[in-house]
Amino acid sequence: MAKSSNQKLKILYLMKMLLEKTDEENTMTINDMIAELGRYGITAERKSIYDDIEALRHYGIDIATRKTKTTDYFVTNRPFELPELKLWLMLFNVRNLLHIKRVMNL
């Protein structure tokens, strides 16, 4: 089987799809991942997906599995998303602003 020019990007696309499309209620099977990679023009075999998932786990992405009729994969903990990060920054700034106002009132 000839490899596409996007083949080296496979693990990056796999990480992207797991982070963006999965959580405890929305899971993906290996076949789902292979089909999704196919949309990017990337061919993959089950064994290579297993290896990539292990590499992503080693990298620090918390990928969990749930066994039903199939084995479902999903990301459990993820880094802050932009709206959450903005909220934390706003709360931090408000806290500092209150402290500055107290100092100014002295």
N, C-alpha and C. Protein backbone atom coordinates (compact mmCIF):
# COMPACT_ATOMS: atom_id res chain seq x y z
N MET A 1 0.85 -1.18 0.00
CA MET A 1 0.00 0.00 0.00
C MET A 1 0.89 1.23 0.00
N ALA A 2 0.66 2.14 -0.93
CA ALA A 2 1.43 3.37 -1.02
C ALA A 2 1.01 4.33 0.09
N LYS A 3 1.99 4.98 0.64
CA LYS A 3 1.70 5.92 1.72
C LYS A 3 1.47 7.30 1.14
N SER A 4 0.52 8.02 1.73
CA SER A 4 0.23 9.37 1.23
C SER A 4 1.26 10.34 1.77
N SER A 5 1.29 11.54 1.19
CA SER A 5 2.23 12.55 1.64
C SER A 5 1.88 13.06 3.04
N ASN A 6 0.64 12.83 3.48
CA ASN A 6 0.21 13.26 4.81
C ASN A 6 0.52 12.23 5.90
N GLN A 7 1.12 11.12 5.54
CA GLN A 7 1.29 10.01 6.48
C GLN A 7 2.04 10.42 7.74
N LYS A 8 3.02 11.30 7.61
CA LYS A 8 3.79 11.73 8.78
C LYS A 8 2.96 12.59 9.72
N LEU A 9 1.85 13.11 9.24
CA LEU A 9 0.97 13.93 10.07
C LEU A 9 -0.07 13.10 10.81
N LYS A 10 -0.04 11.80 10.62
CA LYS A 10 -1.09 10.92 11.17
C LYS A 10 -1.27 11.09 12.67
N ILE A 11 -0.20 11.06 13.43
CA ILE A 11 -0.34 11.14 14.89
C ILE A 11 -0.87 12.51 15.31
N LEU A 12 -0.52 13.56 14.56
CA LEU A 12 -1.03 14.90 14.87
C LEU A 12 -2.54 14.99 14.62
N TYR A 13 -2.98 14.43 13.50
CA TYR A 13 -4.42 14.41 13.22
C TYR A 13 -5.16 13.54 14.23
N LEU A 14 -4.55 12.44 14.64
CA LEU A 14 -5.16 11.58 15.64
C LEU A 14 -5.32 12.33 16.97
N MET A 15 -4.29 13.05 17.38
CA MET A 15 -4.36 13.84 18.60
C MET A 15 -5.44 14.92 18.48
N LYS A 16 -5.48 15.59 17.35
CA LYS A 16 -6.47 16.65 17.13
C LYS A 16 -7.89 16.09 17.23
N MET A 17 -8.14 14.97 16.58
CA MET A 17 -9.51 14.42 16.60
C MET A 17 -9.89 13.93 17.99
N LEU A 18 -8.97 13.33 18.71
CA LEU A 18 -9.29 12.87 20.06
C LEU A 18 -9.57 14.05 21.00
N LEU A 19 -8.76 15.10 20.89
CA LEU A 19 -8.96 16.27 21.76
C LEU A 19 -10.24 17.02 21.42
N GLU A 20 -10.56 17.13 20.14
CA GLU A 20 -11.70 17.93 19.72
C GLU A 20 -13.02 17.18 19.70
N LYS A 21 -12.99 15.87 19.50
CA LYS A 21 -14.23 15.15 19.25
C LYS A 21 -14.61 14.13 20.32
N THR A 22 -13.78 13.96 21.35
CA THR A 22 -14.12 12.94 22.32
C THR A 22 -14.18 13.48 23.74
N ASP A 23 -15.02 12.86 24.52
CA ASP A 23 -15.11 13.05 25.96
C ASP A 23 -15.80 11.81 26.49
N GLU A 24 -16.21 11.83 27.76
CA GLU A 24 -16.80 10.61 28.33
C GLU A 24 -18.10 10.19 27.65
N GLU A 25 -18.82 11.14 27.06
CA GLU A 25 -20.07 10.80 26.37
C GLU A 25 -19.90 10.60 24.87
N ASN A 26 -18.83 11.12 24.30
CA ASN A 26 -18.58 11.01 22.86
C ASN A 26 -17.24 10.32 22.66
N THR A 27 -17.31 9.05 22.31
CA THR A 27 -16.10 8.24 22.19
C THR A 27 -15.85 7.90 20.72
N MET A 28 -14.67 7.33 20.47
CA MET A 28 -14.32 6.87 19.13
C MET A 28 -13.74 5.47 19.24
N THR A 29 -14.07 4.64 18.26
CA THR A 29 -13.45 3.33 18.15
C THR A 29 -12.24 3.46 17.22
N ILE A 30 -11.46 2.41 17.16
CA ILE A 30 -10.32 2.40 16.23
C ILE A 30 -10.83 2.56 14.80
N ASN A 31 -11.94 1.89 14.46
CA ASN A 31 -12.49 2.02 13.11
C ASN A 31 -12.94 3.45 12.82
N ASP A 32 -13.50 4.14 13.84
CA ASP A 32 -13.87 5.56 13.67
C ASP A 32 -12.64 6.39 13.36
N MET A 33 -11.56 6.12 14.08
CA MET A 33 -10.32 6.88 13.88
C MET A 33 -9.74 6.64 12.50
N ILE A 34 -9.77 5.39 12.05
CA ILE A 34 -9.26 5.07 10.72
C ILE A 34 -10.09 5.79 9.65
N ALA A 35 -11.41 5.80 9.82
CA ALA A 35 -12.29 6.48 8.86
C ALA A 35 -12.03 7.99 8.87
N GLU A 36 -11.86 8.56 10.05
CA GLU A 36 -11.62 10.01 10.16
C GLU A 36 -10.27 10.37 9.53
N LEU A 37 -9.26 9.55 9.77
CA LEU A 37 -7.96 9.79 9.14
C LEU A 37 -8.07 9.71 7.61
N GLY A 38 -8.94 8.82 7.14
CA GLY A 38 -9.15 8.70 5.69
C GLY A 38 -9.67 9.99 5.08
N ARG A 39 -10.42 10.77 5.85
CA ARG A 39 -10.92 12.07 5.36
C ARG A 39 -9.77 13.05 5.11
N TYR A 40 -8.65 12.83 5.79
CA TYR A 40 -7.46 13.66 5.58
C TYR A 40 -6.52 13.05 4.55
N GLY A 41 -6.95 11.95 3.94
CA GLY A 41 -6.12 11.29 2.94
C GLY A 41 -5.02 10.43 3.56
N ILE A 42 -5.23 10.00 4.80
CA ILE A 42 -4.23 9.21 5.50
C ILE A 42 -4.75 7.79 5.68
N THR A 43 -3.94 6.82 5.28
CA THR A 43 -4.30 5.43 5.50
C THR A 43 -3.67 4.96 6.80
N ALA A 44 -4.36 4.09 7.51
CA ALA A 44 -3.84 3.59 8.78
C ALA A 44 -4.34 2.18 9.01
N GLU A 45 -3.53 1.43 9.71
CA GLU A 45 -3.92 0.09 10.13
C GLU A 45 -4.15 0.11 11.63
N ARG A 46 -4.92 -0.84 12.10
CA ARG A 46 -5.27 -0.91 13.53
C ARG A 46 -4.02 -0.88 14.41
N LYS A 47 -3.01 -1.67 14.07
CA LYS A 47 -1.80 -1.76 14.89
C LYS A 47 -1.11 -0.40 15.01
N SER A 48 -1.07 0.34 13.92
CA SER A 48 -0.41 1.65 13.97
C SER A 48 -1.20 2.64 14.84
N ILE A 49 -2.52 2.52 14.84
CA ILE A 49 -3.35 3.39 15.69
C ILE A 49 -3.09 3.06 17.16
N TYR A 50 -3.02 1.78 17.50
CA TYR A 50 -2.71 1.39 18.89
C TYR A 50 -1.37 1.98 19.32
N ASP A 51 -0.38 1.87 18.44
CA ASP A 51 0.94 2.41 18.76
C ASP A 51 0.89 3.94 18.93
N ASP A 52 0.14 4.61 18.07
CA ASP A 52 0.02 6.07 18.18
C ASP A 52 -0.70 6.48 19.46
N ILE A 53 -1.71 5.74 19.84
CA ILE A 53 -2.43 6.05 21.09
C ILE A 53 -1.48 5.91 22.28
N GLU A 54 -0.66 4.88 22.27
CA GLU A 54 0.32 4.70 23.36
C GLU A 54 1.33 5.85 23.36
N ALA A 55 1.75 6.28 22.17
CA ALA A 55 2.69 7.41 22.08
C ALA A 55 2.05 8.69 22.62
N LEU A 56 0.78 8.92 22.31
CA LEU A 56 0.08 10.10 22.81
C LEU A 56 -0.09 10.04 24.33
N ARG A 57 -0.32 8.86 24.85
CA ARG A 57 -0.39 8.69 26.31
C ARG A 57 0.96 9.01 26.94
N HIS A 58 2.02 8.52 26.33
CA HIS A 58 3.36 8.80 26.83
C HIS A 58 3.66 10.30 26.76
N TYR A 59 3.13 10.96 25.77
CA TYR A 59 3.29 12.42 25.60
C TYR A 59 2.55 13.19 26.69
N GLY A 60 1.54 12.56 27.30
CA GLY A 60 0.82 13.20 28.39
C GLY A 60 -0.66 13.40 28.17
N ILE A 61 -1.19 12.95 27.06
CA ILE A 61 -2.62 13.08 26.81
C ILE A 61 -3.33 11.93 27.51
N ASP A 62 -4.32 12.27 28.32
CA ASP A 62 -5.02 11.26 29.13
C ASP A 62 -6.12 10.61 28.30
N ILE A 63 -5.77 9.53 27.63
CA ILE A 63 -6.71 8.80 26.77
C ILE A 63 -7.19 7.58 27.54
N ALA A 64 -8.48 7.51 27.77
CA ALA A 64 -9.08 6.39 28.49
C ALA A 64 -9.77 5.46 27.51
N THR A 65 -10.02 4.25 27.98
CA THR A 65 -10.76 3.28 27.17
C THR A 65 -11.95 2.78 27.97
N ARG A 66 -12.99 2.44 27.23
CA ARG A 66 -14.18 1.83 27.82
C ARG A 66 -14.56 0.66 26.92
N LYS A 67 -14.67 -0.51 27.54
CA LYS A 67 -15.00 -1.70 26.76
C LYS A 67 -16.49 -1.98 26.85
N THR A 68 -17.13 -2.00 25.70
CA THR A 68 -18.52 -2.42 25.57
C THR A 68 -18.48 -3.54 24.53
N LYS A 69 -19.32 -3.48 23.53
CA LYS A 69 -19.18 -4.42 22.42
C LYS A 69 -17.88 -4.14 21.66
N THR A 70 -17.49 -2.88 21.68
CA THR A 70 -16.23 -2.45 21.07
C THR A 70 -15.40 -1.78 22.16
N THR A 71 -14.18 -1.43 21.82
CA THR A 71 -13.36 -0.65 22.74
C THR A 71 -13.45 0.80 22.29
N ASP A 72 -13.93 1.65 23.20
CA ASP A 72 -14.11 3.06 22.90
C ASP A 72 -13.00 3.86 23.56
N TYR A 73 -12.52 4.86 22.86
CA TYR A 73 -11.44 5.72 23.34
C TYR A 73 -11.95 7.14 23.50
N PHE A 74 -11.45 7.84 24.53
CA PHE A 74 -11.82 9.24 24.73
C PHE A 74 -10.79 9.92 25.60
N VAL A 75 -10.71 11.23 25.49
CA VAL A 75 -9.80 12.04 26.30
C VAL A 75 -10.55 12.45 27.56
N THR A 76 -9.94 12.21 28.72
CA THR A 76 -10.62 12.53 29.98
C THR A 76 -10.24 13.91 30.50
N ASN A 77 -8.98 14.22 30.55
CA ASN A 77 -8.54 15.54 31.02
C ASN A 77 -7.85 16.23 29.87
N ARG A 78 -8.16 17.47 29.70
CA ARG A 78 -7.56 18.21 28.60
C ARG A 78 -7.07 19.56 29.11
N PRO A 79 -6.17 20.18 28.37
CA PRO A 79 -5.71 21.51 28.79
C PRO A 79 -6.87 22.50 28.73
N PHE A 80 -6.70 23.62 29.39
CA PHE A 80 -7.73 24.66 29.35
C PHE A 80 -8.02 25.06 27.92
N GLU A 81 -9.29 25.31 27.65
CA GLU A 81 -9.65 25.88 26.36
C GLU A 81 -9.66 27.39 26.52
N LEU A 82 -9.62 28.11 25.43
CA LEU A 82 -9.47 29.56 25.45
C LEU A 82 -10.51 30.26 26.33
N PRO A 83 -11.82 29.96 26.24
CA PRO A 83 -12.77 30.66 27.12
C PRO A 83 -12.50 30.42 28.60
N GLU A 84 -12.09 29.22 28.95
CA GLU A 84 -11.77 28.93 30.36
C GLU A 84 -10.54 29.70 30.80
N LEU A 85 -9.55 29.75 29.94
CA LEU A 85 -8.33 30.47 30.26
C LEU A 85 -8.61 31.96 30.45
N LYS A 86 -9.44 32.52 29.59
CA LYS A 86 -9.80 33.93 29.71
C LYS A 86 -10.53 34.19 31.03
N LEU A 87 -11.42 33.29 31.43
CA LEU A 87 -12.14 33.44 32.69
C LEU A 87 -11.16 33.45 33.87
N TRP A 88 -10.22 32.50 33.89
CA TRP A 88 -9.24 32.45 34.96
C TRP A 88 -8.40 33.71 35.00
N LEU A 89 -7.98 34.20 33.84
CA LEU A 89 -7.19 35.43 33.79
C LEU A 89 -8.00 36.62 34.30
N MET A 90 -9.27 36.67 33.93
CA MET A 90 -10.14 37.75 34.38
C MET A 90 -10.28 37.70 35.90
N LEU A 91 -10.52 36.51 36.46
CA LEU A 91 -10.64 36.37 37.90
C LEU A 91 -9.36 36.75 38.61
N PHE A 92 -8.24 36.36 38.06
CA PHE A 92 -6.95 36.72 38.65
C PHE A 92 -6.75 38.23 38.63
N ASN A 93 -7.08 38.86 37.50
CA ASN A 93 -6.93 40.31 37.38
C ASN A 93 -7.88 41.05 38.33
N VAL A 94 -9.10 40.56 38.49
CA VAL A 94 -10.04 41.19 39.42
C VAL A 94 -9.49 41.11 40.83
N ARG A 95 -8.94 39.97 41.20
CA ARG A 95 -8.36 39.81 42.53
C ARG A 95 -7.23 40.81 42.74
N ASN A 96 -6.35 40.94 41.75
CA ASN A 96 -5.24 41.90 41.86
C ASN A 96 -5.76 43.33 41.87
N LEU A 97 -6.78 43.61 41.09
CA LEU A 97 -7.34 44.95 41.03
C LEU A 97 -7.92 45.33 42.39
N LEU A 98 -8.61 44.40 43.05
CA LEU A 98 -9.15 44.69 44.38
C LEU A 98 -8.03 44.98 45.35
N HIS A 99 -6.95 44.25 45.26
CA HIS A 99 -5.80 44.48 46.13
C HIS A 99 -5.21 45.87 45.87
N ILE A 100 -5.10 46.25 44.61
CA ILE A 100 -4.55 47.56 44.25
C ILE A 100 -5.46 48.67 44.77
N LYS A 101 -6.77 48.49 44.66
CA LYS A 101 -7.71 49.52 45.16
C LYS A 101 -7.55 49.69 46.66
N ARG A 102 -7.37 48.59 47.38
CA ARG A 102 -7.18 48.67 48.84
C ARG A 102 -5.92 49.46 49.16
N VAL A 103 -4.86 49.20 48.41
CA VAL A 103 -3.60 49.91 48.63
C VAL A 103 -3.77 51.39 48.32
N MET A 104 -4.50 51.70 47.27
CA MET A 104 -4.71 53.09 46.87
C MET A 104 -5.54 53.85 47.93
N ASN A 105 -6.39 53.14 48.65
CA ASN A 105 -7.22 53.77 49.65
C ASN A 105 -6.47 54.04 50.95
N LEU A 106 -5.29 53.50 51.12
CA LEU A 106 -4.54 53.71 52.35
C LEU A 106 -3.98 55.10 52.46
